[in-house]
Amino acid sequence: MNKTHTPSLWKVPLALLLLGLLVPHLLSSGFHLRLASIVCIYTILCAGFNLLYGYAGQISMGQQGFFALGAYAYALLTVKAGWPVYAALPASLALCALVTLLIGIPLLRLRSHYLAMATLCFGLIFAGVASRWIEMTGGTAGMMVPSLAFAGHTLSRTELYYALLVVMVAVLLMQNFIVGSHLGRVLCSLRGDETAAESLGVNVVAYKLRIFVLSSVLAGLAGIGFALVSRQVNPSFGEFPILVTVLTVAVVGGLGTRYGALLGAVVVVLAPQGLARFGDFETIIYGVCLLLFLLFMPHGLSGFLQNLVARLARPAKPLTPLKVSE
């Protein structure tokens, strides 16, 4: 890794943390604070997808299933089993990792659209089970999730936002470390050509499984955060709109970029609020904007900003004096 880029691994996330700490003081209502919390949640969710697909080239269409699995596991452990938060949270993430291992070992031998369809089936199956297993999950009505509390203190909305902000920054730091390490180079080799990577001694299946587990755990962590913000969990957590959100954030922010997940989450969460004034035309305008992103910003906002900064930082070429013919 180039030493000149090492400070950016922590300087940018630190700046984001300091900026995020000021956000509650700039907002005027609890609704806006909820939007800021959802930005953090979507960033966590899509950072895992970015590592899996943007860097490793493994398309998973079942992230919404792990998003719902983490939320349901946390709700069941805290509400029905009576576990404390400090035990229920890691146990829920461990369950996501275990389920990913069980389904990932056979699935990751598949490639391209076969892997995408197989993971999509997992998400559909989980949503179906959650809506029909009424005795355990509450069916379509879902379950109520208690507020997050530590040592008898219940976190307020602002404190919950700060907790999500810290987790989001930690996830971005971890992503930067992975991308800048040997593991990041291995993931990029998988995206380029798995056969060539394997010929160089890379254990393709093992690395694919590791990044698949990590992305699923991050999806489960995001699901827990969304359940805490919403104070409930229901089958919609594992349904198709969540997958559409993940893909939209990836397209808008930029796959294979370090801060595409954050930029995409900001746009996807805030854009509908600005487009609401257009009434029935909101969906049409939103769709046209996404199409324009695909056509003119194939690397998303993050890629566009990187190119813009590179152009501005490029030294101007000195003017060549004109030769005057004698």
C-alpha atoms as a PDB file:
ATOM      1  CA  MET A   1       0.000   0.000   0.000  1.00  0.00           C
ATOM      2  CA  ASN A   2       1.258   3.422  -0.860  1.00  0.00           C
ATOM      3  CA  LYS A   3       2.315   5.265   2.292  1.00  0.00           C
ATOM      4  CA  THR A   4       1.090   8.550   0.914  1.00  0.00           C
ATOM      5  CA  HIS A   5      -2.466   7.246   1.063  1.00  0.00           C
ATOM      6  CA  THR A   6      -2.202   5.783   4.580  1.00  0.00           C
ATOM      7  CA  PRO A   7      -3.437   8.898   6.465  1.00  0.00           C
ATOM      8  CA  SER A   8      -6.642   8.938   4.422  1.00  0.00           C
ATOM      9  CA  LEU A   9      -7.540   5.574   5.938  1.00  0.00           C
ATOM     10  CA  TRP A  10      -8.387   7.279   9.197  1.00  0.00           C
ATOM     11  CA  LYS A  11      -8.462  11.029   8.489  1.00  0.00           C
ATOM     12  CA  VAL A  12     -11.615  10.972   6.365  1.00  0.00           C
ATOM     13  CA  PRO A  13     -13.593   8.703   8.767  1.00  0.00           C
ATOM     14  CA  LEU A  14     -12.438  10.887  11.679  1.00  0.00           C
ATOM     15  CA  ALA A  15     -13.678  13.978   9.853  1.00  0.00           C
ATOM     16  CA  LEU A  16     -16.986  12.217   9.194  1.00  0.00           C
ATOM     17  CA  LEU A  17     -17.260  11.389  12.889  1.00  0.00           C
ATOM     18  CA  LEU A  18     -16.678  14.983  13.933  1.00  0.00           C
ATOM     19  CA  LEU A  19     -19.152  16.225  11.338  1.00  0.00           C
ATOM     20  CA  GLY A  20     -21.700  13.624  12.384  1.00  0.00           C
ATOM     21  CA  LEU A  21     -21.460  14.728  16.012  1.00  0.00           C
ATOM     22  CA  LEU A  22     -22.691  18.162  14.951  1.00  0.00           C
ATOM     23  CA  VAL A  23     -25.690  16.860  12.992  1.00  0.00           C
ATOM     24  CA  PRO A  24     -28.204  16.666  15.902  1.00  0.00           C
ATOM     25  CA  HIS A  25     -27.482  20.317  16.732  1.00  0.00           C
ATOM     26  CA  LEU A  26     -28.332  21.342  13.167  1.00  0.00           C
ATOM     27  CA  LEU A  27     -31.630  19.454  12.892  1.00  0.00           C
ATOM     28  CA  SER A  28     -35.015  20.824  13.783  1.00  0.00           C
ATOM     29  CA  SER A  29     -37.097  17.702  14.464  1.00  0.00           C
ATOM     30  CA  GLY A  30     -37.006  14.062  15.515  1.00  0.00           C
ATOM     31  CA  PHE A  31     -37.971  13.064  11.983  1.00  0.00           C
ATOM     32  CA  HIS A  32     -34.770  14.559  10.591  1.00  0.00           C
ATOM     33  CA  LEU A  33     -32.769  12.767  13.279  1.00  0.00           C
ATOM     34  CA  ARG A  34     -34.412   9.521  12.200  1.00  0.00           C
ATOM     35  CA  LEU A  35     -33.312  10.184   8.618  1.00  0.00           C
ATOM     36  CA  ALA A  36     -29.746  10.770   9.813  1.00  0.00           C
ATOM     37  CA  SER A  37     -29.868   7.454  11.701  1.00  0.00           C
ATOM     38  CA  ILE A  38     -31.132   5.648   8.594  1.00  0.00           C
ATOM     39  CA  VAL A  39     -28.234   7.107   6.590  1.00  0.00           C
ATOM     40  CA  CYS A  40     -25.851   5.452   9.070  1.00  0.00           C
ATOM     41  CA  ILE A  41     -27.770   2.159   8.828  1.00  0.00           C
ATOM     42  CA  TYR A  42     -27.774   2.064   5.031  1.00  0.00           C
ATOM     43  CA  THR A  43     -24.076   2.922   4.982  1.00  0.00           C
ATOM     44  CA  ILE A  44     -23.328  -0.079   7.207  1.00  0.00           C
ATOM     45  CA  LEU A  45     -25.545  -2.327   5.085  1.00  0.00           C
ATOM     46  CA  CYS A  46     -24.070  -1.227   1.768  1.00  0.00           C
ATOM     47  CA  ALA A  47     -20.454  -1.186   2.951  1.00  0.00           C
ATOM     48  CA  GLY A  48     -20.687  -4.964   3.278  1.00  0.00           C
ATOM     49  CA  PHE A  49     -22.299  -5.262  -0.142  1.00  0.00           C
ATOM     50  CA  ASN A  50     -19.590  -3.014  -1.572  1.00  0.00           C
ATOM     51  CA  LEU A  51     -16.858  -5.309  -0.252  1.00  0.00           C
ATOM     52  CA  LEU A  52     -18.633  -8.392  -1.549  1.00  0.00           C
ATOM     53  CA  TYR A  53     -19.639  -7.142  -4.993  1.00  0.00           C
ATOM     54  CA  GLY A  54     -17.736  -3.919  -5.597  1.00  0.00           C
ATOM     55  CA  TYR A  55     -14.329  -5.358  -4.685  1.00  0.00           C
ATOM     56  CA  ALA A  56     -14.689  -9.166  -4.794  1.00  0.00           C
ATOM     57  CA  GLY A  57     -17.138  -9.245  -7.709  1.00  0.00           C
ATOM     58  CA  GLN A  58     -19.520 -11.680  -5.980  1.00  0.00           C
ATOM     59  CA  ILE A  59     -23.117 -10.615  -6.557  1.00  0.00           C
ATOM     60  CA  SER A  60     -25.456 -11.447  -3.682  1.00  0.00           C
ATOM     61  CA  MET A  61     -29.169 -10.745  -3.989  1.00  0.00           C
ATOM     62  CA  GLY A  62     -29.931 -12.007  -0.490  1.00  0.00           C
ATOM     63  CA  GLN A  63     -28.556  -9.182   1.666  1.00  0.00           C
ATOM     64  CA  GLN A  64     -32.099  -8.297   2.715  1.00  0.00           C
ATOM     65  CA  GLY A  65     -32.428 -11.801   4.182  1.00  0.00           C
ATOM     66  CA  PHE A  66     -29.444 -11.281   6.487  1.00  0.00           C
ATOM     67  CA  PHE A  67     -30.707  -7.769   7.247  1.00  0.00           C
ATOM     68  CA  ALA A  68     -33.942  -9.329   8.511  1.00  0.00           C
ATOM     69  CA  LEU A  69     -32.188 -12.271  10.188  1.00  0.00           C
ATOM     70  CA  GLY A  70     -30.113  -9.986  12.390  1.00  0.00           C
ATOM     71  CA  ALA A  71     -33.163  -7.902  13.336  1.00  0.00           C
ATOM     72  CA  TYR A  72     -35.346 -10.912  14.148  1.00  0.00           C
ATOM     73  CA  ALA A  73     -32.599 -12.689  16.084  1.00  0.00           C
ATOM     74  CA  TYR A  74     -32.026  -9.611  18.239  1.00  0.00           C
ATOM     75  CA  ALA A  75     -35.763  -9.112  18.813  1.00  0.00           C
ATOM     76  CA  LEU A  76     -36.351 -12.745  19.764  1.00  0.00           C
ATOM     77  CA  LEU A  77     -33.374 -12.895  22.123  1.00  0.00           C
ATOM     78  CA  THR A  78     -34.250  -9.653  23.918  1.00  0.00           C
ATOM     79  CA  VAL A  79     -38.053  -9.947  23.976  1.00  0.00           C
ATOM     80  CA  LYS A  80     -38.798 -13.671  24.240  1.00  0.00           C
ATOM     81  CA  ALA A  81     -35.581 -15.037  25.713  1.00  0.00           C
ATOM     82  CA  GLY A  82     -34.964 -12.036  27.967  1.00  0.00           C
ATOM     83  CA  TRP A  83     -31.289 -11.719  27.086  1.00  0.00           C
ATOM     84  CA  PRO A  84     -29.460  -8.468  27.911  1.00  0.00           C
ATOM     85  CA  VAL A  85     -28.307  -6.274  25.056  1.00  0.00           C
ATOM     86  CA  TYR A  86     -24.612  -7.048  25.498  1.00  0.00           C
ATOM     87  CA  ALA A  87     -25.363 -10.758  25.012  1.00  0.00           C
ATOM     88  CA  ALA A  88     -28.143 -10.541  22.402  1.00  0.00           C
ATOM     89  CA  LEU A  89     -26.191  -8.283  20.030  1.00  0.00           C
ATOM     90  CA  PRO A  90     -23.105 -10.487  19.522  1.00  0.00           C
ATOM     91  CA  ALA A  91     -25.251 -13.644  19.540  1.00  0.00           C
ATOM     92  CA  SER A  92     -27.399 -12.232  16.717  1.00  0.00           C
ATOM     93  CA  LEU A  93     -24.329 -11.420  14.652  1.00  0.00           C
ATOM     94  CA  ALA A  94     -22.877 -14.854  15.371  1.00  0.00           C
ATOM     95  CA  LEU A  95     -26.107 -16.417  14.113  1.00  0.00           C
ATOM     96  CA  CYS A  96     -25.809 -14.417  10.874  1.00  0.00           C
ATOM     97  CA  ALA A  97     -22.256 -15.693  10.470  1.00  0.00           C
ATOM     98  CA  LEU A  98     -23.298 -19.293  11.169  1.00  0.00           C
ATOM     99  CA  VAL A  99     -26.185 -19.218   8.688  1.00  0.00           C
ATOM    100  CA  THR A 100     -23.903 -17.657   6.092  1.00  0.00           C
ATOM    101  CA  LEU A 101     -21.373 -20.441   6.584  1.00  0.00           C
ATOM    102  CA  LEU A 102     -24.046 -23.115   6.221  1.00  0.00           C
ATOM    103  CA  ILE A 103     -25.411 -21.734   2.974  1.00  0.00           C
ATOM    104  CA  GLY A 104     -22.201 -20.164   1.704  1.00  0.00           C
ATOM    105  CA  ILE A 105     -20.063 -23.305   1.450  1.00  0.00           C
ATOM    106  CA  PRO A 106     -22.240 -24.834  -1.304  1.00  0.00           C
ATOM    107  CA  LEU A 107     -23.423 -21.543  -2.842  1.00  0.00           C
ATOM    108  CA  LEU A 108     -20.013 -19.949  -3.347  1.00  0.00           C
ATOM    109  CA  ARG A 109     -19.027 -22.691  -5.735  1.00  0.00           C
ATOM    110  CA  LEU A 110     -21.532 -21.061  -8.075  1.00  0.00           C
ATOM    111  CA  ARG A 111     -20.642 -18.048 -10.200  1.00  0.00           C
ATOM    112  CA  SER A 112     -22.259 -15.109 -11.949  1.00  0.00           C
ATOM    113  CA  HIS A 113     -26.074 -15.090 -12.069  1.00  0.00           C
ATOM    114  CA  TYR A 114     -26.308 -18.551 -10.480  1.00  0.00           C
ATOM    115  CA  LEU A 115     -24.936 -17.193  -7.203  1.00  0.00           C
ATOM    116  CA  ALA A 116     -27.254 -14.183  -7.459  1.00  0.00           C
ATOM    117  CA  MET A 117     -30.351 -16.353  -7.936  1.00  0.00           C
ATOM    118  CA  ALA A 118     -29.369 -18.735  -5.137  1.00  0.00           C
ATOM    119  CA  THR A 119     -28.901 -15.918  -2.616  1.00  0.00           C
ATOM    120  CA  LEU A 120     -32.134 -14.287  -3.787  1.00  0.00           C
ATOM    121  CA  CYS A 121     -33.953 -17.524  -2.969  1.00  0.00           C
ATOM    122  CA  PHE A 122     -32.580 -17.374   0.577  1.00  0.00           C
ATOM    123  CA  GLY A 123     -34.013 -13.880   1.057  1.00  0.00           C
ATOM    124  CA  LEU A 124     -37.410 -14.916  -0.295  1.00  0.00           C
ATOM    125  CA  ILE A 125     -37.517 -18.024   1.886  1.00  0.00           C
ATOM    126  CA  PHE A 126     -36.655 -16.075   5.028  1.00  0.00           C
ATOM    127  CA  ALA A 127     -39.310 -13.425   4.334  1.00  0.00           C
ATOM    128  CA  GLY A 128     -41.877 -16.177   3.760  1.00  0.00           C
ATOM    129  CA  VAL A 129     -41.005 -17.956   7.001  1.00  0.00           C
ATOM    130  CA  ALA A 130     -41.101 -14.692   8.969  1.00  0.00           C
ATOM    131  CA  SER A 131     -44.587 -13.837   7.697  1.00  0.00           C
ATOM    132  CA  ARG A 132     -46.053 -17.313   8.294  1.00  0.00           C
ATOM    133  CA  TRP A 133     -44.468 -18.425  11.579  1.00  0.00           C
ATOM    134  CA  ILE A 134     -46.899 -16.369  13.622  1.00  0.00           C
ATOM    135  CA  GLU A 135     -46.176 -17.980  17.004  1.00  0.00           C
ATOM    136  CA  MET A 136     -42.503 -17.077  16.837  1.00  0.00           C
ATOM    137  CA  THR A 137     -42.256 -13.935  14.690  1.00  0.00           C
ATOM    138  CA  GLY A 138     -45.715 -12.395  15.039  1.00  0.00           C
ATOM    139  CA  GLY A 139     -46.496 -12.913  11.362  1.00  0.00           C
ATOM    140  CA  THR A 140     -47.124  -9.894   9.177  1.00  0.00           C
ATOM    141  CA  ALA A 141     -47.697  -7.714  12.273  1.00  0.00           C
ATOM    142  CA  GLY A 142     -44.135  -8.315  13.391  1.00  0.00           C
ATOM    143  CA  MET A 143     -42.692  -7.750  16.856  1.00  0.00           C
ATOM    144  CA  MET A 144     -42.022  -4.737  19.004  1.00  0.00           C
ATOM    145  CA  VAL A 145     -38.379  -4.075  19.848  1.00  0.00           C
ATOM    146  CA  PRO A 146     -37.499  -2.431  23.169  1.00  0.00           C
ATOM    147  CA  SER A 147     -35.341   0.676  23.287  1.00  0.00           C
ATOM    148  CA  LEU A 148     -31.623   0.157  23.640  1.00  0.00           C
ATOM    149  CA  ALA A 149     -30.551   0.346  27.281  1.00  0.00           C
ATOM    150  CA  PHE A 150     -27.235  -0.043  29.111  1.00  0.00           C
ATOM    151  CA  ALA A 151     -26.828  -0.299  32.893  1.00  0.00           C
ATOM    152  CA  GLY A 152     -30.438   0.757  33.430  1.00  0.00           C
ATOM    153  CA  HIS A 153     -30.126   3.816  31.184  1.00  0.00           C
ATOM    154  CA  THR A 154     -32.378   3.897  28.117  1.00  0.00           C
ATOM    155  CA  LEU A 155     -30.782   5.610  25.161  1.00  0.00           C
ATOM    156  CA  SER A 156     -32.614   8.587  23.706  1.00  0.00           C
ATOM    157  CA  ARG A 157     -33.019   9.078  19.960  1.00  0.00           C
ATOM    158  CA  THR A 158     -29.990  11.334  19.900  1.00  0.00           C
ATOM    159  CA  GLU A 159     -27.863   8.879  21.861  1.00  0.00           C
ATOM    160  CA  LEU A 160     -28.966   6.049  19.573  1.00  0.00           C
ATOM    161  CA  TYR A 161     -27.934   8.153  16.570  1.00  0.00           C
ATOM    162  CA  TYR A 162     -24.504   8.720  18.121  1.00  0.00           C
ATOM    163  CA  ALA A 163     -24.142   4.959  18.694  1.00  0.00           C
ATOM    164  CA  LEU A 164     -25.027   4.258  15.051  1.00  0.00           C
ATOM    165  CA  LEU A 165     -22.639   6.981  13.914  1.00  0.00           C
ATOM    166  CA  VAL A 166     -19.740   5.422  15.829  1.00  0.00           C
ATOM    167  CA  VAL A 167     -20.550   1.993  14.400  1.00  0.00           C
ATOM    168  CA  MET A 168     -20.747   3.431  10.876  1.00  0.00           C
ATOM    169  CA  VAL A 169     -17.356   5.126  11.184  1.00  0.00           C
ATOM    170  CA  ALA A 170     -15.847   1.917  12.604  1.00  0.00           C
ATOM    171  CA  VAL A 171     -17.219  -0.029   9.623  1.00  0.00           C
ATOM    172  CA  LEU A 172     -15.733   2.506   7.172  1.00  0.00           C
ATOM    173  CA  LEU A 173     -12.369   2.280   8.949  1.00  0.00           C
ATOM    174  CA  MET A 174     -12.490  -1.514   8.708  1.00  0.00           C
ATOM    175  CA  GLN A 175     -13.401  -1.303   5.023  1.00  0.00           C
ATOM    176  CA  ASN A 176     -10.486   1.058   4.344  1.00  0.00           C
ATOM    177  CA  PHE A 177      -8.104  -1.262   6.159  1.00  0.00           C
ATOM    178  CA  ILE A 178      -9.305  -4.282   4.176  1.00  0.00           C
ATOM    179  CA  VAL A 179      -9.124  -2.476   0.832  1.00  0.00           C
ATOM    180  CA  GLY A 180      -5.609  -1.223   1.509  1.00  0.00           C
ATOM    181  CA  SER A 181      -4.304  -4.589   2.741  1.00  0.00           C
ATOM    182  CA  HIS A 182      -3.306  -7.844   1.100  1.00  0.00           C
ATOM    183  CA  LEU A 183      -6.895  -9.028   1.481  1.00  0.00           C
ATOM    184  CA  GLY A 184      -8.106  -6.109  -0.628  1.00  0.00           C
ATOM    185  CA  ARG A 185      -5.730  -7.033  -3.431  1.00  0.00           C
ATOM    186  CA  VAL A 186      -6.915 -10.637  -3.259  1.00  0.00           C
ATOM    187  CA  LEU A 187     -10.541  -9.518  -3.484  1.00  0.00           C
ATOM    188  CA  CYS A 188      -9.764  -7.411  -6.557  1.00  0.00           C
ATOM    189  CA  SER A 189      -8.075 -10.423  -8.144  1.00  0.00           C
ATOM    190  CA  LEU A 190     -11.257 -12.445  -7.589  1.00  0.00           C
ATOM    191  CA  ARG A 191     -13.244  -9.738  -9.318  1.00  0.00           C
ATOM    192  CA  GLY A 192     -10.836  -9.723 -12.231  1.00  0.00           C
ATOM    193  CA  ASP A 193     -10.402 -13.429 -12.932  1.00  0.00           C
ATOM    194  CA  GLU A 194     -10.986 -16.226 -10.424  1.00  0.00           C
ATOM    195  CA  THR A 195      -9.138 -18.772 -12.547  1.00  0.00           C
ATOM    196  CA  ALA A 196      -6.051 -16.589 -12.781  1.00  0.00           C
ATOM    197  CA  ALA A 197      -6.181 -15.879  -9.026  1.00  0.00           C
ATOM    198  CA  GLU A 198      -6.409 -19.592  -8.279  1.00  0.00           C
ATOM    199  CA  SER A 199      -3.439 -20.308 -10.530  1.00  0.00           C
ATOM    200  CA  LEU A 200      -1.410 -17.863  -8.404  1.00  0.00           C
ATOM    201  CA  GLY A 201      -2.166 -19.836  -5.246  1.00  0.00           C
ATOM    202  CA  VAL A 202      -5.231 -17.951  -3.981  1.00  0.00           C
ATOM    203  CA  ASN A 203      -7.766 -20.152  -2.176  1.00  0.00           C
ATOM    204  CA  VAL A 204     -10.711 -18.713  -4.077  1.00  0.00           C
ATOM    205  CA  VAL A 205     -13.522 -20.464  -2.190  1.00  0.00           C
ATOM    206  CA  ALA A 206     -12.034 -19.605   1.225  1.00  0.00           C
ATOM    207  CA  TYR A 207     -11.658 -15.904   0.444  1.00  0.00           C
ATOM    208  CA  LYS A 208     -15.105 -15.717  -1.129  1.00  0.00           C
ATOM    209  CA  LEU A 209     -16.576 -17.342   1.974  1.00  0.00           C
ATOM    210  CA  ARG A 210     -14.790 -14.930   4.317  1.00  0.00           C
ATOM    211  CA  ILE A 211     -16.014 -11.819   2.542  1.00  0.00           C
ATOM    212  CA  PHE A 212     -19.505 -13.317   2.185  1.00  0.00           C
ATOM    213  CA  VAL A 213     -19.651 -13.894   5.946  1.00  0.00           C
ATOM    214  CA  LEU A 214     -18.392 -10.378   6.669  1.00  0.00           C
ATOM    215  CA  SER A 215     -20.955  -8.759   4.357  1.00  0.00           C
ATOM    216  CA  SER A 216     -23.756 -10.822   5.919  1.00  0.00           C
ATOM    217  CA  VAL A 217     -22.712  -9.884   9.448  1.00  0.00           C
ATOM    218  CA  LEU A 218     -22.693  -6.207   8.476  1.00  0.00           C
ATOM    219  CA  ALA A 219     -26.157  -6.650   6.933  1.00  0.00           C
ATOM    220  CA  GLY A 220     -27.358  -8.221  10.192  1.00  0.00           C
ATOM    221  CA  LEU A 221     -25.822  -5.367  12.189  1.00  0.00           C
ATOM    222  CA  ALA A 222     -27.648  -2.863   9.987  1.00  0.00           C
ATOM    223  CA  GLY A 223     -30.880  -4.804  10.489  1.00  0.00           C
ATOM    224  CA  ILE A 224     -30.496  -4.572  14.262  1.00  0.00           C
ATOM    225  CA  GLY A 225     -29.925  -0.836  13.971  1.00  0.00           C
ATOM    226  CA  PHE A 226     -33.022  -0.417  11.806  1.00  0.00           C
ATOM    227  CA  ALA A 227     -35.093  -2.431  14.287  1.00  0.00           C
ATOM    228  CA  LEU A 228     -33.918  -0.191  17.145  1.00  0.00           C
ATOM    229  CA  VAL A 229     -34.715   2.986  15.220  1.00  0.00           C
ATOM    230  CA  SER A 230     -38.119   1.681  14.069  1.00  0.00           C
ATOM    231  CA  ARG A 231     -38.862   0.058  17.465  1.00  0.00           C
ATOM    232  CA  GLN A 232     -40.204  -2.985  15.601  1.00  0.00           C
ATOM    233  CA  VAL A 233     -39.290  -5.756  13.182  1.00  0.00           C
ATOM    234  CA  ASN A 234     -41.583  -7.255  10.535  1.00  0.00           C
ATOM    235  CA  PRO A 235     -41.309  -9.350   7.345  1.00  0.00           C
ATOM    236  CA  SER A 236     -40.780  -6.229   5.214  1.00  0.00           C
ATOM    237  CA  PHE A 237     -37.194  -6.181   6.530  1.00  0.00           C
ATOM    238  CA  GLY A 238     -36.466  -9.189   4.330  1.00  0.00           C
ATOM    239  CA  GLU A 239     -38.484  -8.261   1.274  1.00  0.00           C
ATOM    240  CA  PHE A 240     -37.540  -6.956  -2.147  1.00  0.00           C
ATOM    241  CA  PRO A 241     -37.616  -3.171  -1.409  1.00  0.00           C
ATOM    242  CA  ILE A 242     -34.607  -3.520   0.894  1.00  0.00           C
ATOM    243  CA  LEU A 243     -32.671  -5.205  -1.908  1.00  0.00           C
ATOM    244  CA  VAL A 244     -33.686  -2.405  -4.282  1.00  0.00           C
ATOM    245  CA  THR A 245     -32.380   0.102  -1.739  1.00  0.00           C
ATOM    246  CA  VAL A 246     -29.042  -1.705  -1.516  1.00  0.00           C
ATOM    247  CA  LEU A 247     -28.643  -1.757  -5.294  1.00  0.00           C
ATOM    248  CA  THR A 248     -29.702   1.888  -5.607  1.00  0.00           C
ATOM    249  CA  VAL A 249     -27.214   3.031  -2.981  1.00  0.00           C
ATOM    250  CA  ALA A 250     -24.506   1.050  -4.773  1.00  0.00           C
ATOM    251  CA  VAL A 251     -25.317   2.606  -8.158  1.00  0.00           C
ATOM    252  CA  VAL A 252     -25.595   6.167  -6.865  1.00  0.00           C
ATOM    253  CA  GLY A 253     -22.621   6.039  -4.520  1.00  0.00           C
ATOM    254  CA  GLY A 254     -20.306   3.972  -6.692  1.00  0.00           C
ATOM    255  CA  LEU A 255     -19.272   0.330  -6.434  1.00  0.00           C
ATOM    256  CA  GLY A 256     -15.683  -0.409  -5.560  1.00  0.00           C
ATOM    257  CA  THR A 257     -15.124   2.964  -3.891  1.00  0.00           C
ATOM    258  CA  ARG A 258     -14.367   3.628  -0.246  1.00  0.00           C
ATOM    259  CA  TYR A 259     -17.115   6.148   0.467  1.00  0.00           C
ATOM    260  CA  GLY A 260     -19.679   5.213  -2.160  1.00  0.00           C
ATOM    261  CA  ALA A 261     -21.876   3.553   0.465  1.00  0.00           C
ATOM    262  CA  LEU A 262     -22.063   6.762   2.512  1.00  0.00           C
ATOM    263  CA  LEU A 263     -22.641   9.083  -0.448  1.00  0.00           C
ATOM    264  CA  GLY A 264     -25.260   6.764  -1.915  1.00  0.00           C
ATOM    265  CA  ALA A 265     -27.054   6.413   1.419  1.00  0.00           C
ATOM    266  CA  VAL A 266     -27.236  10.189   1.839  1.00  0.00           C
ATOM    267  CA  VAL A 267     -28.767  10.654  -1.619  1.00  0.00           C
ATOM    268  CA  VAL A 268     -31.178   7.699  -1.381  1.00  0.00           C
ATOM    269  CA  VAL A 269     -32.480   8.781   2.035  1.00  0.00           C
ATOM    270  CA  LEU A 270     -32.730  12.521   1.386  1.00  0.00           C
ATOM    271  CA  ALA A 271     -33.747  12.607  -2.294  1.00  0.00           C
ATOM    272  CA  PRO A 272     -37.332  11.367  -1.720  1.00  0.00           C
ATOM    273  CA  GLN A 273     -37.817  14.130   0.849  1.00  0.00           C
ATOM    274  CA  GLY A 274     -36.880  16.757  -1.728  1.00  0.00           C
ATOM    275  CA  LEU A 275     -38.905  15.147  -4.519  1.00  0.00           C
ATOM    276  CA  ALA A 276     -42.079  14.821  -2.432  1.00  0.00           C
ATOM    277  CA  ARG A 277     -43.184  18.285  -3.610  1.00  0.00           C
ATOM    278  CA  PHE A 278     -43.668  16.889  -7.122  1.00  0.00           C
ATOM    279  CA  GLY A 279     -46.475  14.600  -5.994  1.00  0.00           C
ATOM    280  CA  ASP A 280     -47.366  11.900  -8.517  1.00  0.00           C
ATOM    281  CA  PHE A 281     -44.270  12.697 -10.586  1.00  0.00           C
ATOM    282  CA  GLU A 282     -41.907  11.835  -7.710  1.00  0.00           C
ATOM    283  CA  THR A 283     -41.317   8.232  -8.820  1.00  0.00           C
ATOM    284  CA  ILE A 284     -40.820   9.215 -12.472  1.00  0.00           C
ATOM    285  CA  ILE A 285     -38.256  11.917 -11.606  1.00  0.00           C
ATOM    286  CA  TYR A 286     -36.488   9.554  -9.214  1.00  0.00           C
ATOM    287  CA  GLY A 287     -36.245   6.876 -11.900  1.00  0.00           C
ATOM    288  CA  VAL A 288     -34.962   9.337 -14.507  1.00  0.00           C
ATOM    289  CA  CYS A 289     -32.283  10.525 -12.099  1.00  0.00           C
ATOM    290  CA  LEU A 290     -31.129   6.939 -11.509  1.00  0.00           C
ATOM    291  CA  LEU A 291     -30.991   6.370 -15.250  1.00  0.00           C
ATOM    292  CA  LEU A 292     -28.828   9.464 -15.650  1.00  0.00           C
ATOM    293  CA  PHE A 293     -26.496   8.157 -12.955  1.00  0.00           C
ATOM    294  CA  LEU A 294     -26.102   4.899 -14.867  1.00  0.00           C
ATOM    295  CA  LEU A 295     -25.436   6.688 -18.165  1.00  0.00           C
ATOM    296  CA  PHE A 296     -23.188   9.561 -17.134  1.00  0.00           C
ATOM    297  CA  MET A 297     -21.750   8.454 -13.767  1.00  0.00           C
ATOM    298  CA  PRO A 298     -20.987   4.725 -14.116  1.00  0.00           C
ATOM    299  CA  HIS A 299     -18.734   4.915 -11.046  1.00  0.00           C
ATOM    300  CA  GLY A 300     -21.299   6.859  -8.998  1.00  0.00           C
ATOM    301  CA  LEU A 301     -20.842  10.019  -7.000  1.00  0.00           C
ATOM    302  CA  SER A 302     -17.670   8.784  -5.349  1.00  0.00           C
ATOM    303  CA  GLY A 303     -15.980   8.089  -8.674  1.00  0.00           C
ATOM    304  CA  PHE A 304     -17.165  11.429 -10.052  1.00  0.00           C
ATOM    305  CA  LEU A 305     -15.766  13.342  -7.065  1.00  0.00           C
ATOM    306  CA  GLN A 306     -12.459  11.462  -7.238  1.00  0.00           C
ATOM    307  CA  ASN A 307     -12.076  12.356 -10.907  1.00  0.00           C
ATOM    308  CA  LEU A 308     -13.023  15.959 -10.193  1.00  0.00           C
ATOM    309  CA  VAL A 309     -10.463  16.277  -7.396  1.00  0.00           C
ATOM    310  CA  ALA A 310      -7.800  14.659  -9.591  1.00  0.00           C
ATOM    311  CA  ARG A 311      -8.485  17.148 -12.390  1.00  0.00           C
ATOM    312  CA  LEU A 312      -8.370  20.121 -10.046  1.00  0.00           C
ATOM    313  CA  ALA A 313      -5.144  18.897  -8.461  1.00  0.00           C
ATOM    314  CA  ARG A 314      -3.484  18.286 -11.823  1.00  0.00           C
ATOM    315  CA  PRO A 315      -0.908  21.013 -12.504  1.00  0.00           C
ATOM    316  CA  ALA A 316      -1.699  23.221 -15.454  1.00  0.00           C
ATOM    317  CA  LYS A 317       0.407  22.655 -18.541  1.00  0.00           C
ATOM    318  CA  PRO A 318       2.759  25.529 -19.305  1.00  0.00           C
ATOM    319  CA  LEU A 319       1.906  27.471 -22.398  1.00  0.00           C
ATOM    320  CA  THR A 320       4.127  26.725 -25.344  1.00  0.00           C
ATOM    321  CA  PRO A 321       5.419  29.936 -26.951  1.00  0.00           C
ATOM    322  CA  LEU A 322       4.437  30.382 -30.508  1.00  0.00           C
ATOM    323  CA  LYS A 323       7.201  30.162 -33.063  1.00  0.00           C
ATOM    324  CA  VAL A 324       7.336  33.218 -35.232  1.00  0.00           C
ATOM    325  CA  SER A 325       8.397  32.365 -38.747  1.00  0.00           C
ATOM    326  CA  GLU A 326      11.133  34.520 -40.116  1.00  0.00           C
END
